[in-house]
Amino acid sequence: MTDTKGSMVAPLSKYKLVFLGDQSVGKTSIINRFMFDTFDGKDHPTVGIDFISKTLYYEDRTIRLQLWDTAGQERFRSLIPSYIRDSAVAVVCYDVEVKQSFESVVKWIEDVRLERGNDVIIFLVANKIDLENRVISTEQGATLAKEQDAHFIEVSAKLGSNVELLFKQIAATLPGTETSQMVNSVVNHPTQPNNIILDDPQNQNQEKKDGKSCC
């Protein structure tokens, strides 16, 4: 592809990310922290499916992430398979203070595998690591992720800890952008800079307007 002056322009790659997990594990909070660097702290359950998108600039590529935030309530469970079906990445979240949310992870991953087989990247995300009364250890999360052939990371949407790192790791593992050396570098040296740049924050309001939701 070339622009009007004849120079090469990298094509825009679009990837669908679906966020899964029980109610109140913080899926929406993780997305809002990444998109707008904000944290509400109030419990506003997602109704149905919310959609929002964001652009990343990765090396010589422009990547559009389409983030689909799903409801954790059982009554919306029947809606979710259709949104998993064409996803590139499934982000399965749990609350480190709620054992049931961790125990539900396997079922969520089974739902993903049923729809996408092995044609999907799975990230297991432990949220709310800022809280003191955690009942699920880092070792338990890492072990389960290994058993399920998933990537693993712990975050705090409230403090913003590792949220940007999560999306950097996702970008580095997307089809066509796989760079195992970079992924290993980020995991072992979380403060090390890389070549992923987020789009201008001033564009975020427009991004939000581009989003869609359904009940």
N, C-alpha and C. Protein backbone atom coordinates (compact mmCIF):
# COMPACT_ATOMS: atom_id res chain seq x y z
N MET A 1 0.86 -1.20 0.00
CA MET A 1 0.00 0.00 0.00
C MET A 1 0.89 1.24 0.00
N THR A 2 0.48 2.25 -0.78
CA THR A 2 1.26 3.50 -0.85
C THR A 2 0.34 4.66 -0.56
N ASP A 3 0.93 5.77 -0.07
CA ASP A 3 0.14 6.97 0.13
C ASP A 3 0.16 7.81 -1.13
N THR A 4 -0.39 9.02 -1.08
CA THR A 4 -0.49 9.85 -2.28
C THR A 4 0.87 10.30 -2.78
N LYS A 5 1.89 10.25 -1.93
CA LYS A 5 3.23 10.66 -2.35
C LYS A 5 4.06 9.49 -2.81
N GLY A 6 3.47 8.30 -2.80
CA GLY A 6 4.19 7.15 -3.32
C GLY A 6 4.97 6.36 -2.30
N SER A 7 5.00 6.80 -1.04
CA SER A 7 5.75 6.08 -0.02
C SER A 7 4.91 4.94 0.53
N MET A 8 5.58 3.94 1.05
CA MET A 8 4.90 2.76 1.57
C MET A 8 4.22 3.07 2.89
N VAL A 9 2.98 2.59 3.03
CA VAL A 9 2.22 2.76 4.27
C VAL A 9 1.86 1.38 4.79
N ALA A 10 2.21 1.11 6.03
CA ALA A 10 1.92 -0.20 6.59
C ALA A 10 0.41 -0.38 6.70
N PRO A 11 -0.09 -1.57 6.33
CA PRO A 11 -1.53 -1.82 6.41
C PRO A 11 -2.01 -1.86 7.85
N LEU A 12 -3.28 -1.54 8.04
CA LEU A 12 -3.87 -1.59 9.37
C LEU A 12 -4.34 -3.01 9.65
N SER A 13 -3.83 -3.59 10.73
CA SER A 13 -4.22 -4.94 11.14
C SER A 13 -5.23 -4.83 12.27
N LYS A 14 -6.34 -5.55 12.15
CA LYS A 14 -7.38 -5.51 13.16
C LYS A 14 -7.47 -6.85 13.88
N TYR A 15 -7.56 -6.78 15.21
CA TYR A 15 -7.64 -7.99 16.01
C TYR A 15 -8.73 -7.84 17.07
N LYS A 16 -9.52 -8.87 17.20
CA LYS A 16 -10.61 -8.86 18.18
C LYS A 16 -10.15 -9.52 19.47
N LEU A 17 -10.30 -8.80 20.58
CA LEU A 17 -9.98 -9.31 21.91
C LEU A 17 -11.27 -9.42 22.71
N VAL A 18 -11.58 -10.59 23.22
CA VAL A 18 -12.78 -10.76 24.02
C VAL A 18 -12.38 -10.99 25.47
N PHE A 19 -12.98 -10.22 26.38
CA PHE A 19 -12.68 -10.32 27.80
C PHE A 19 -13.75 -11.16 28.48
N LEU A 20 -13.30 -12.19 29.19
CA LEU A 20 -14.20 -13.16 29.81
C LEU A 20 -13.89 -13.31 31.29
N GLY A 21 -14.85 -13.82 32.03
CA GLY A 21 -14.65 -14.04 33.45
C GLY A 21 -15.93 -13.78 34.21
N ASP A 22 -15.97 -14.22 35.46
CA ASP A 22 -17.15 -14.05 36.29
C ASP A 22 -17.46 -12.58 36.54
N GLN A 23 -18.64 -12.33 37.03
CA GLN A 23 -19.06 -10.98 37.36
C GLN A 23 -18.16 -10.38 38.44
N SER A 24 -17.84 -9.12 38.28
CA SER A 24 -17.09 -8.32 39.28
C SER A 24 -15.62 -8.68 39.41
N VAL A 25 -15.05 -9.38 38.43
CA VAL A 25 -13.61 -9.66 38.50
C VAL A 25 -12.79 -8.46 38.02
N GLY A 26 -13.44 -7.49 37.37
CA GLY A 26 -12.73 -6.28 36.96
C GLY A 26 -12.40 -6.18 35.49
N LYS A 27 -13.13 -6.88 34.64
CA LYS A 27 -12.86 -6.82 33.20
C LYS A 27 -12.99 -5.40 32.67
N THR A 28 -14.11 -4.76 33.01
CA THR A 28 -14.34 -3.39 32.55
C THR A 28 -13.30 -2.43 33.12
N SER A 29 -12.92 -2.64 34.36
CA SER A 29 -11.93 -1.75 34.99
C SER A 29 -10.57 -1.86 34.31
N ILE A 30 -10.20 -3.07 33.91
CA ILE A 30 -8.93 -3.27 33.19
C ILE A 30 -8.97 -2.52 31.87
N ILE A 31 -10.07 -2.66 31.15
CA ILE A 31 -10.21 -1.98 29.86
C ILE A 31 -10.18 -0.46 30.03
N ASN A 32 -10.91 0.05 31.02
CA ASN A 32 -10.94 1.50 31.24
C ASN A 32 -9.58 2.04 31.67
N ARG A 33 -8.84 1.27 32.45
CA ARG A 33 -7.50 1.70 32.85
C ARG A 33 -6.60 1.79 31.63
N PHE A 34 -6.71 0.82 30.74
CA PHE A 34 -5.89 0.82 29.53
C PHE A 34 -6.30 1.93 28.57
N MET A 35 -7.61 2.10 28.39
CA MET A 35 -8.10 3.06 27.40
C MET A 35 -7.97 4.50 27.86
N PHE A 36 -8.36 4.76 29.11
CA PHE A 36 -8.48 6.14 29.57
C PHE A 36 -7.64 6.45 30.81
N ASP A 37 -6.92 5.45 31.31
CA ASP A 37 -6.13 5.59 32.53
C ASP A 37 -6.99 6.09 33.69
N THR A 38 -8.17 5.50 33.83
CA THR A 38 -9.08 5.86 34.90
C THR A 38 -9.53 4.61 35.65
N PHE A 39 -10.00 4.83 36.88
CA PHE A 39 -10.56 3.74 37.68
C PHE A 39 -11.77 4.27 38.43
N ASP A 40 -12.91 3.66 38.20
CA ASP A 40 -14.15 4.12 38.80
C ASP A 40 -14.28 3.62 40.24
N GLY A 41 -14.05 2.34 40.45
CA GLY A 41 -14.17 1.77 41.78
C GLY A 41 -15.57 1.38 42.17
N LYS A 42 -16.56 1.74 41.34
CA LYS A 42 -17.94 1.40 41.60
C LYS A 42 -18.33 0.15 40.81
N ASP A 43 -19.26 -0.59 41.35
CA ASP A 43 -19.68 -1.84 40.71
C ASP A 43 -20.81 -1.55 39.72
N HIS A 44 -20.42 -1.48 38.43
CA HIS A 44 -21.41 -1.28 37.37
C HIS A 44 -21.33 -2.48 36.44
N PRO A 45 -22.10 -3.53 36.70
CA PRO A 45 -22.02 -4.74 35.88
C PRO A 45 -22.29 -4.45 34.41
N THR A 46 -21.47 -5.03 33.55
CA THR A 46 -21.68 -4.89 32.12
C THR A 46 -22.99 -5.57 31.74
N VAL A 47 -23.78 -4.89 30.93
CA VAL A 47 -25.05 -5.44 30.47
C VAL A 47 -24.87 -5.91 29.04
N GLY A 48 -24.87 -7.22 28.84
CA GLY A 48 -24.66 -7.77 27.51
C GLY A 48 -23.20 -7.69 27.10
N ILE A 49 -22.92 -6.92 26.04
CA ILE A 49 -21.57 -6.81 25.50
C ILE A 49 -21.26 -5.34 25.23
N ASP A 50 -20.11 -4.87 25.65
CA ASP A 50 -19.64 -3.53 25.32
C ASP A 50 -18.45 -3.64 24.37
N PHE A 51 -18.33 -2.69 23.45
CA PHE A 51 -17.26 -2.72 22.46
C PHE A 51 -16.56 -1.37 22.40
N ILE A 52 -15.23 -1.43 22.32
CA ILE A 52 -14.43 -0.22 22.17
C ILE A 52 -13.14 -0.60 21.46
N SER A 53 -12.52 0.35 20.78
CA SER A 53 -11.32 0.02 20.03
C SER A 53 -10.19 1.00 20.32
N LYS A 54 -8.98 0.55 20.05
CA LYS A 54 -7.79 1.37 20.30
C LYS A 54 -6.71 1.00 19.29
N THR A 55 -5.94 1.98 18.89
CA THR A 55 -4.86 1.76 17.93
C THR A 55 -3.51 1.72 18.64
N LEU A 56 -2.69 0.74 18.26
CA LEU A 56 -1.31 0.65 18.73
C LEU A 56 -0.39 0.73 17.53
N TYR A 57 0.79 1.28 17.75
CA TYR A 57 1.81 1.31 16.71
C TYR A 57 2.93 0.39 17.15
N TYR A 58 3.04 -0.75 16.46
CA TYR A 58 3.98 -1.79 16.85
C TYR A 58 5.01 -1.97 15.76
N GLU A 59 6.27 -1.59 16.07
CA GLU A 59 7.35 -1.66 15.09
C GLU A 59 6.90 -0.94 13.82
N ASP A 60 6.73 -1.64 12.69
CA ASP A 60 6.35 -0.96 11.45
C ASP A 60 4.88 -1.19 11.11
N ARG A 61 4.10 -1.58 12.12
CA ARG A 61 2.71 -1.91 11.85
C ARG A 61 1.76 -1.06 12.70
N THR A 62 0.60 -0.82 12.14
CA THR A 62 -0.46 -0.17 12.89
C THR A 62 -1.50 -1.22 13.24
N ILE A 63 -1.78 -1.37 14.52
CA ILE A 63 -2.66 -2.43 14.99
C ILE A 63 -3.90 -1.82 15.63
N ARG A 64 -5.05 -2.28 15.19
CA ARG A 64 -6.30 -1.86 15.80
C ARG A 64 -6.82 -3.00 16.68
N LEU A 65 -6.89 -2.73 17.99
CA LEU A 65 -7.43 -3.71 18.93
C LEU A 65 -8.91 -3.41 19.15
N GLN A 66 -9.74 -4.39 18.90
CA GLN A 66 -11.17 -4.28 19.15
C GLN A 66 -11.46 -5.04 20.45
N LEU A 67 -11.78 -4.30 21.50
CA LEU A 67 -11.96 -4.88 22.83
C LEU A 67 -13.44 -5.13 23.10
N TRP A 68 -13.79 -6.38 23.31
CA TRP A 68 -15.17 -6.76 23.59
C TRP A 68 -15.27 -7.16 25.05
N ASP A 69 -16.02 -6.37 25.79
CA ASP A 69 -16.18 -6.56 27.23
C ASP A 69 -17.49 -7.31 27.48
N THR A 70 -17.41 -8.54 27.95
CA THR A 70 -18.61 -9.37 28.11
C THR A 70 -19.12 -9.34 29.55
N ALA A 71 -20.41 -9.59 29.69
CA ALA A 71 -21.02 -9.65 31.01
C ALA A 71 -20.70 -10.99 31.67
N GLY A 72 -20.48 -10.94 32.99
CA GLY A 72 -20.16 -12.17 33.71
C GLY A 72 -21.37 -12.88 34.27
N GLN A 73 -22.54 -12.21 34.26
CA GLN A 73 -23.73 -12.82 34.82
C GLN A 73 -24.18 -14.02 33.99
N GLU A 74 -24.70 -15.02 34.67
CA GLU A 74 -25.13 -16.26 34.03
C GLU A 74 -26.20 -16.01 32.97
N ARG A 75 -27.06 -15.01 33.19
CA ARG A 75 -28.17 -14.79 32.26
C ARG A 75 -27.71 -14.29 30.90
N PHE A 76 -26.46 -13.83 30.81
CA PHE A 76 -25.93 -13.39 29.52
C PHE A 76 -25.00 -14.42 28.89
N ARG A 77 -24.87 -15.57 29.54
CA ARG A 77 -23.89 -16.57 29.09
C ARG A 77 -24.15 -17.04 27.66
N SER A 78 -25.41 -17.13 27.30
CA SER A 78 -25.74 -17.64 25.97
C SER A 78 -25.30 -16.71 24.84
N LEU A 79 -25.06 -15.43 25.17
CA LEU A 79 -24.63 -14.47 24.15
C LEU A 79 -23.15 -14.62 23.80
N ILE A 80 -22.38 -15.10 24.75
CA ILE A 80 -20.93 -15.00 24.65
C ILE A 80 -20.30 -15.84 23.54
N PRO A 81 -20.73 -17.10 23.30
CA PRO A 81 -20.07 -17.89 22.25
C PRO A 81 -19.98 -17.20 20.90
N SER A 82 -21.01 -16.45 20.53
CA SER A 82 -20.98 -15.78 19.22
C SER A 82 -19.90 -14.71 19.16
N TYR A 83 -19.51 -14.15 20.30
CA TYR A 83 -18.47 -13.13 20.33
C TYR A 83 -17.07 -13.75 20.42
N ILE A 84 -17.01 -14.96 20.94
CA ILE A 84 -15.74 -15.68 20.99
C ILE A 84 -15.35 -16.16 19.61
N ARG A 85 -16.33 -16.47 18.79
CA ARG A 85 -16.15 -17.23 17.56
C ARG A 85 -15.08 -16.68 16.63
N ASP A 86 -14.99 -15.38 16.47
CA ASP A 86 -14.02 -14.81 15.53
C ASP A 86 -12.94 -13.99 16.25
N SER A 87 -12.70 -14.32 17.51
CA SER A 87 -11.71 -13.56 18.28
C SER A 87 -10.29 -14.07 18.02
N ALA A 88 -9.34 -13.16 18.09
CA ALA A 88 -7.92 -13.52 17.99
C ALA A 88 -7.34 -13.82 19.35
N VAL A 89 -7.86 -13.12 20.38
CA VAL A 89 -7.34 -13.26 21.74
C VAL A 89 -8.51 -13.35 22.72
N ALA A 90 -8.41 -14.27 23.66
CA ALA A 90 -9.37 -14.36 24.76
C ALA A 90 -8.63 -14.00 26.05
N VAL A 91 -9.11 -12.98 26.74
CA VAL A 91 -8.51 -12.54 27.99
C VAL A 91 -9.43 -12.99 29.12
N VAL A 92 -9.03 -14.03 29.83
CA VAL A 92 -9.85 -14.62 30.89
C VAL A 92 -9.37 -14.07 32.23
N CYS A 93 -10.26 -13.40 32.95
CA CYS A 93 -9.88 -12.70 34.18
C CYS A 93 -10.48 -13.37 35.41
N TYR A 94 -9.78 -13.23 36.53
CA TYR A 94 -10.34 -13.64 37.81
C TYR A 94 -9.87 -12.69 38.90
N ASP A 95 -10.57 -12.75 40.04
CA ASP A 95 -10.29 -11.89 41.19
C ASP A 95 -9.48 -12.71 42.19
N VAL A 96 -8.31 -12.23 42.57
CA VAL A 96 -7.44 -13.01 43.46
C VAL A 96 -8.03 -13.18 44.86
N GLU A 97 -9.08 -12.43 45.17
CA GLU A 97 -9.74 -12.56 46.46
C GLU A 97 -10.98 -13.47 46.43
N VAL A 98 -11.37 -13.90 45.24
CA VAL A 98 -12.59 -14.70 45.10
C VAL A 98 -12.24 -16.05 44.49
N LYS A 99 -12.26 -17.08 45.32
CA LYS A 99 -11.87 -18.42 44.87
C LYS A 99 -12.76 -18.93 43.75
N GLN A 100 -14.06 -18.63 43.82
CA GLN A 100 -14.99 -19.11 42.80
C GLN A 100 -14.64 -18.56 41.42
N SER A 101 -14.19 -17.31 41.37
CA SER A 101 -13.84 -16.73 40.06
C SER A 101 -12.64 -17.44 39.46
N PHE A 102 -11.73 -17.91 40.31
CA PHE A 102 -10.57 -18.67 39.83
C PHE A 102 -11.00 -20.06 39.37
N GLU A 103 -11.90 -20.67 40.14
CA GLU A 103 -12.37 -22.01 39.77
C GLU A 103 -13.17 -22.00 38.48
N SER A 104 -13.74 -20.85 38.14
CA SER A 104 -14.52 -20.73 36.91
C SER A 104 -13.65 -20.59 35.67
N VAL A 105 -12.38 -20.31 35.86
CA VAL A 105 -11.47 -20.06 34.73
C VAL A 105 -11.47 -21.22 33.74
N VAL A 106 -11.40 -22.44 34.25
CA VAL A 106 -11.33 -23.60 33.36
C VAL A 106 -12.55 -23.67 32.45
N LYS A 107 -13.74 -23.37 33.01
CA LYS A 107 -14.95 -23.40 32.19
C LYS A 107 -14.92 -22.31 31.13
N TRP A 108 -14.45 -21.13 31.48
CA TRP A 108 -14.35 -20.06 30.49
C TRP A 108 -13.39 -20.45 29.36
N ILE A 109 -12.28 -21.05 29.73
CA ILE A 109 -11.31 -21.47 28.70
C ILE A 109 -11.89 -22.60 27.85
N GLU A 110 -12.65 -23.50 28.46
CA GLU A 110 -13.31 -24.56 27.70
C GLU A 110 -14.25 -23.95 26.66
N ASP A 111 -14.97 -22.91 27.05
CA ASP A 111 -15.87 -22.23 26.11
C ASP A 111 -15.09 -21.66 24.93
N VAL A 112 -13.92 -21.09 25.22
CA VAL A 112 -13.09 -20.52 24.16
C VAL A 112 -12.60 -21.61 23.23
N ARG A 113 -12.09 -22.70 23.79
CA ARG A 113 -11.57 -23.80 22.97
C ARG A 113 -12.67 -24.43 22.13
N LEU A 114 -13.87 -24.50 22.68
CA LEU A 114 -15.00 -25.08 21.95
C LEU A 114 -15.30 -24.29 20.69
N GLU A 115 -15.19 -22.98 20.78
CA GLU A 115 -15.50 -22.12 19.64
C GLU A 115 -14.32 -21.90 18.70
N ARG A 116 -13.11 -21.85 19.27
CA ARG A 116 -11.94 -21.44 18.48
C ARG A 116 -10.84 -22.49 18.37
N GLY A 117 -11.00 -23.60 19.10
CA GLY A 117 -9.95 -24.61 19.06
C GLY A 117 -8.62 -24.04 19.51
N ASN A 118 -7.59 -24.27 18.71
CA ASN A 118 -6.26 -23.73 19.03
C ASN A 118 -5.95 -22.46 18.25
N ASP A 119 -6.96 -21.94 17.52
CA ASP A 119 -6.75 -20.75 16.69
C ASP A 119 -7.02 -19.49 17.49
N VAL A 120 -6.56 -19.45 18.72
CA VAL A 120 -6.80 -18.29 19.57
C VAL A 120 -5.68 -18.21 20.60
N ILE A 121 -5.32 -17.01 20.97
CA ILE A 121 -4.34 -16.78 22.03
C ILE A 121 -5.10 -16.52 23.32
N ILE A 122 -4.74 -17.21 24.38
CA ILE A 122 -5.43 -17.04 25.65
C ILE A 122 -4.50 -16.42 26.68
N PHE A 123 -4.99 -15.36 27.33
CA PHE A 123 -4.28 -14.74 28.44
C PHE A 123 -5.10 -14.93 29.70
N LEU A 124 -4.47 -15.48 30.71
CA LEU A 124 -5.10 -15.61 32.03
C LEU A 124 -4.63 -14.43 32.87
N VAL A 125 -5.58 -13.62 33.35
CA VAL A 125 -5.24 -12.38 34.05
C VAL A 125 -5.79 -12.41 35.47
N ALA A 126 -4.89 -12.31 36.44
CA ALA A 126 -5.27 -12.20 37.84
C ALA A 126 -5.37 -10.73 38.19
N ASN A 127 -6.56 -10.29 38.57
CA ASN A 127 -6.78 -8.88 38.87
C ASN A 127 -6.91 -8.65 40.38
N LYS A 128 -6.77 -7.40 40.79
CA LYS A 128 -6.93 -6.91 42.16
C LYS A 128 -5.78 -7.36 43.08
N ILE A 129 -4.57 -7.40 42.52
CA ILE A 129 -3.42 -7.80 43.33
C ILE A 129 -3.04 -6.74 44.35
N ASP A 130 -3.69 -5.57 44.31
CA ASP A 130 -3.46 -4.54 45.32
C ASP A 130 -4.14 -4.87 46.64
N LEU A 131 -5.09 -5.81 46.62
CA LEU A 131 -5.83 -6.16 47.83
C LEU A 131 -5.02 -7.09 48.73
N GLU A 132 -5.25 -6.99 50.01
CA GLU A 132 -4.43 -7.72 50.98
C GLU A 132 -4.91 -9.14 51.24
N ASN A 133 -6.19 -9.39 51.09
CA ASN A 133 -6.75 -10.68 51.49
C ASN A 133 -6.90 -11.65 50.32
N ARG A 134 -5.86 -11.74 49.51
CA ARG A 134 -5.93 -12.64 48.37
C ARG A 134 -5.94 -14.09 48.83
N VAL A 135 -6.67 -14.90 48.09
CA VAL A 135 -6.75 -16.33 48.41
C VAL A 135 -6.16 -17.19 47.31
N ILE A 136 -5.86 -16.56 46.16
CA ILE A 136 -5.24 -17.28 45.05
C ILE A 136 -3.83 -16.74 44.86
N SER A 137 -2.85 -17.60 45.01
CA SER A 137 -1.45 -17.17 44.93
C SER A 137 -1.00 -17.04 43.48
N THR A 138 0.11 -16.35 43.31
CA THR A 138 0.72 -16.22 41.98
C THR A 138 1.05 -17.59 41.42
N GLU A 139 1.56 -18.47 42.26
CA GLU A 139 1.94 -19.81 41.82
C GLU A 139 0.74 -20.59 41.30
N GLN A 140 -0.40 -20.46 41.97
CA GLN A 140 -1.60 -21.15 41.52
C GLN A 140 -2.04 -20.66 40.15
N GLY A 141 -2.00 -19.35 39.96
CA GLY A 141 -2.38 -18.78 38.67
C GLY A 141 -1.44 -19.21 37.56
N ALA A 142 -0.14 -19.17 37.84
CA ALA A 142 0.85 -19.54 36.83
C ALA A 142 0.74 -21.02 36.46
N THR A 143 0.48 -21.84 37.46
CA THR A 143 0.35 -23.28 37.21
C THR A 143 -0.86 -23.58 36.34
N LEU A 144 -1.98 -22.94 36.65
CA LEU A 144 -3.19 -23.16 35.85
C LEU A 144 -2.99 -22.68 34.43
N ALA A 145 -2.34 -21.54 34.26
CA ALA A 145 -2.09 -21.01 32.93
C ALA A 145 -1.25 -21.99 32.12
N LYS A 146 -0.25 -22.56 32.74
CA LYS A 146 0.60 -23.53 32.05
C LYS A 146 -0.19 -24.76 31.65
N GLU A 147 -1.05 -25.22 32.55
CA GLU A 147 -1.89 -26.39 32.25
C GLU A 147 -2.84 -26.12 31.09
N GLN A 148 -3.30 -24.88 30.98
CA GLN A 148 -4.27 -24.52 29.94
C GLN A 148 -3.61 -23.93 28.70
N ASP A 149 -2.29 -23.96 28.65
CA ASP A 149 -1.55 -23.42 27.51
C ASP A 149 -1.91 -21.95 27.27
N ALA A 150 -1.89 -21.19 28.36
CA ALA A 150 -2.24 -19.78 28.30
C ALA A 150 -1.10 -18.92 28.83
N HIS A 151 -1.06 -17.66 28.40
CA HIS A 151 -0.14 -16.69 28.98
C HIS A 151 -0.70 -16.24 30.32
N PHE A 152 0.16 -15.79 31.22
CA PHE A 152 -0.30 -15.42 32.56
C PHE A 152 0.32 -14.10 32.99
N ILE A 153 -0.50 -13.26 33.61
CA ILE A 153 0.00 -12.01 34.17
C ILE A 153 -0.93 -11.58 35.29
N GLU A 154 -0.37 -10.91 36.30
CA GLU A 154 -1.16 -10.35 37.40
C GLU A 154 -1.20 -8.84 37.25
N VAL A 155 -2.38 -8.25 37.50
CA VAL A 155 -2.54 -6.81 37.32
C VAL A 155 -3.37 -6.22 38.47
N SER A 156 -3.33 -4.91 38.55
CA SER A 156 -4.24 -4.17 39.43
C SER A 156 -4.84 -3.05 38.60
N ALA A 157 -6.12 -3.19 38.26
CA ALA A 157 -6.79 -2.12 37.51
C ALA A 157 -6.87 -0.86 38.35
N LYS A 158 -6.99 -1.01 39.67
CA LYS A 158 -7.10 0.14 40.56
C LYS A 158 -5.84 0.99 40.53
N LEU A 159 -4.68 0.35 40.65
CA LEU A 159 -3.41 1.07 40.66
C LEU A 159 -2.80 1.24 39.28
N GLY A 160 -3.29 0.47 38.32
CA GLY A 160 -2.72 0.50 36.98
C GLY A 160 -1.54 -0.44 36.81
N SER A 161 -1.22 -1.21 37.82
CA SER A 161 -0.05 -2.08 37.78
C SER A 161 -0.18 -3.14 36.68
N ASN A 162 0.78 -3.17 35.78
CA ASN A 162 0.91 -4.20 34.74
C ASN A 162 -0.19 -4.18 33.69
N VAL A 163 -1.11 -3.20 33.72
CA VAL A 163 -2.19 -3.19 32.74
C VAL A 163 -1.63 -2.89 31.34
N GLU A 164 -0.80 -1.88 31.23
CA GLU A 164 -0.21 -1.59 29.93
C GLU A 164 0.68 -2.73 29.48
N LEU A 165 1.38 -3.33 30.43
CA LEU A 165 2.24 -4.47 30.10
C LEU A 165 1.42 -5.62 29.53
N LEU A 166 0.23 -5.85 30.07
CA LEU A 166 -0.65 -6.89 29.56
C LEU A 166 -0.90 -6.69 28.07
N PHE A 167 -1.25 -5.47 27.69
CA PHE A 167 -1.58 -5.23 26.28
C PHE A 167 -0.33 -5.23 25.40
N LYS A 168 0.79 -4.88 25.95
CA LYS A 168 2.04 -4.99 25.19
C LYS A 168 2.37 -6.45 24.90
N GLN A 169 2.15 -7.29 25.89
CA GLN A 169 2.38 -8.73 25.68
C GLN A 169 1.39 -9.28 24.66
N ILE A 170 0.15 -8.84 24.74
CA ILE A 170 -0.84 -9.29 23.76
C ILE A 170 -0.42 -8.88 22.36
N ALA A 171 -0.01 -7.63 22.18
CA ALA A 171 0.41 -7.15 20.86
C ALA A 171 1.58 -7.94 20.32
N ALA A 172 2.48 -8.33 21.21
CA ALA A 172 3.68 -9.06 20.78
C ALA A 172 3.39 -10.49 20.39
N THR A 173 2.21 -11.01 20.75
CA THR A 173 1.89 -12.40 20.42
C THR A 173 0.84 -12.54 19.32
N LEU A 174 0.35 -11.42 18.81
CA LEU A 174 -0.67 -11.48 17.77
C LEU A 174 -0.12 -12.08 16.49
N PRO A 175 -0.96 -12.75 15.71
CA PRO A 175 -0.50 -13.34 14.44
C PRO A 175 0.19 -12.31 13.56
N GLY A 176 1.39 -12.64 13.13
CA GLY A 176 2.15 -11.73 12.30
C GLY A 176 3.05 -10.79 13.07
N THR A 177 2.89 -10.75 14.41
CA THR A 177 3.74 -9.87 15.22
C THR A 177 4.51 -10.67 16.26
N GLU A 178 4.42 -12.02 16.18
CA GLU A 178 5.05 -12.83 17.20
C GLU A 178 6.54 -12.55 17.26
N THR A 179 7.00 -12.18 18.44
CA THR A 179 8.42 -11.95 18.67
C THR A 179 8.75 -12.54 20.02
N SER A 180 9.10 -13.81 20.04
CA SER A 180 9.29 -14.50 21.32
C SER A 180 10.39 -13.85 22.14
N GLN A 181 11.40 -13.32 21.46
CA GLN A 181 12.49 -12.67 22.18
C GLN A 181 11.97 -11.44 22.93
N MET A 182 11.09 -10.68 22.27
CA MET A 182 10.52 -9.51 22.91
C MET A 182 9.64 -9.90 24.08
N VAL A 183 8.81 -10.93 23.90
CA VAL A 183 7.92 -11.36 24.97
C VAL A 183 8.72 -11.78 26.18
N ASN A 184 9.77 -12.58 25.97
CA ASN A 184 10.61 -13.01 27.08
C ASN A 184 11.28 -11.83 27.75
N SER A 185 11.69 -10.84 26.95
CA SER A 185 12.33 -9.66 27.51
C SER A 185 11.37 -8.88 28.40
N VAL A 186 10.12 -8.73 27.93
CA VAL A 186 9.14 -8.00 28.71
C VAL A 186 8.82 -8.73 30.01
N VAL A 187 8.69 -10.05 29.93
CA VAL A 187 8.36 -10.83 31.12
C VAL A 187 9.47 -10.75 32.16
N ASN A 188 10.72 -10.86 31.69
CA ASN A 188 11.84 -10.90 32.62
C ASN A 188 12.28 -9.51 33.07
N HIS A 189 11.99 -8.50 32.27
CA HIS A 189 12.40 -7.13 32.58
C HIS A 189 11.23 -6.19 32.32
N PRO A 190 10.24 -6.17 33.21
CA PRO A 190 9.02 -5.41 32.97
C PRO A 190 9.23 -3.93 32.74
N THR A 191 10.33 -3.36 33.21
CA THR A 191 10.53 -1.92 33.04
C THR A 191 11.28 -1.59 31.76
N GLN A 192 11.71 -2.62 31.04
CA GLN A 192 12.47 -2.38 29.82
C GLN A 192 11.57 -1.82 28.72
N PRO A 193 11.97 -0.73 28.05
CA PRO A 193 11.12 -0.15 27.01
C PRO A 193 11.03 -1.06 25.79
N ASN A 194 9.99 -0.89 24.99
CA ASN A 194 9.87 -1.65 23.76
C ASN A 194 9.35 -0.74 22.68
N ASN A 195 8.96 -1.32 21.54
CA ASN A 195 8.62 -0.51 20.38
C ASN A 195 7.12 -0.34 20.18
N ILE A 196 6.34 -0.53 21.22
CA ILE A 196 4.90 -0.35 21.11
C ILE A 196 4.54 1.04 21.63
N ILE A 197 3.80 1.80 20.83
CA ILE A 197 3.39 3.14 21.20
C ILE A 197 1.87 3.21 21.16
N LEU A 198 1.26 3.76 22.20
CA LEU A 198 -0.19 3.92 22.21
C LEU A 198 -0.56 5.15 21.42
N ASP A 199 -1.79 5.14 20.90
CA ASP A 199 -2.22 6.30 20.13
C ASP A 199 -2.44 7.50 21.05
N ASP A 200 -2.60 8.66 20.44
CA ASP A 200 -2.73 9.93 21.17
C ASP A 200 -3.93 9.89 22.11
N PRO A 201 -3.74 10.16 23.41
CA PRO A 201 -4.87 10.15 24.35
C PRO A 201 -5.99 11.08 23.95
N GLN A 202 -5.69 12.11 23.20
CA GLN A 202 -6.73 13.05 22.79
C GLN A 202 -7.72 12.40 21.84
N ASN A 203 -7.33 11.26 21.27
CA ASN A 203 -8.22 10.57 20.35
C ASN A 203 -9.17 9.62 21.05
N GLN A 204 -9.01 9.47 22.37
CA GLN A 204 -9.77 8.45 23.07
C GLN A 204 -11.26 8.71 23.07
N ASN A 205 -11.67 9.97 23.18
CA ASN A 205 -13.10 10.25 23.17
C ASN A 205 -13.73 9.81 21.86
N GLN A 206 -13.01 10.00 20.76
CA GLN A 206 -13.52 9.56 19.47
C GLN A 206 -13.58 8.05 19.42
N GLU A 207 -12.56 7.39 20.01
CA GLU A 207 -12.57 5.95 20.04
C GLU A 207 -13.79 5.43 20.77
N LYS A 208 -14.12 6.08 21.88
CA LYS A 208 -15.27 5.65 22.68
C LYS A 208 -16.55 5.80 21.86
N LYS A 209 -16.63 6.89 21.07
CA LYS A 209 -17.81 7.10 20.25
C LYS A 209 -17.94 6.03 19.18
N ASP A 210 -16.79 5.48 18.77
CA ASP A 210 -16.82 4.44 17.74
C ASP A 210 -17.31 3.12 18.30
N GLY A 211 -17.31 2.98 19.62
CA GLY A 211 -17.71 1.73 20.25
C GLY A 211 -19.20 1.49 20.14
N LYS A 212 -19.57 0.21 20.31
CA LYS A 212 -20.96 -0.18 20.26
C LYS A 212 -21.25 -1.07 21.46
N SER A 213 -22.48 -1.15 21.84
CA SER A 213 -22.86 -2.06 22.90
C SER A 213 -24.21 -2.66 22.59
N CYS A 214 -24.46 -3.83 23.15
CA CYS A 214 -25.76 -4.43 22.98
C CYS A 214 -26.19 -5.01 24.31
N CYS A 215 -27.47 -5.06 24.54
CA CYS A 215 -28.00 -5.57 25.79
C CYS A 215 -28.63 -6.93 25.57
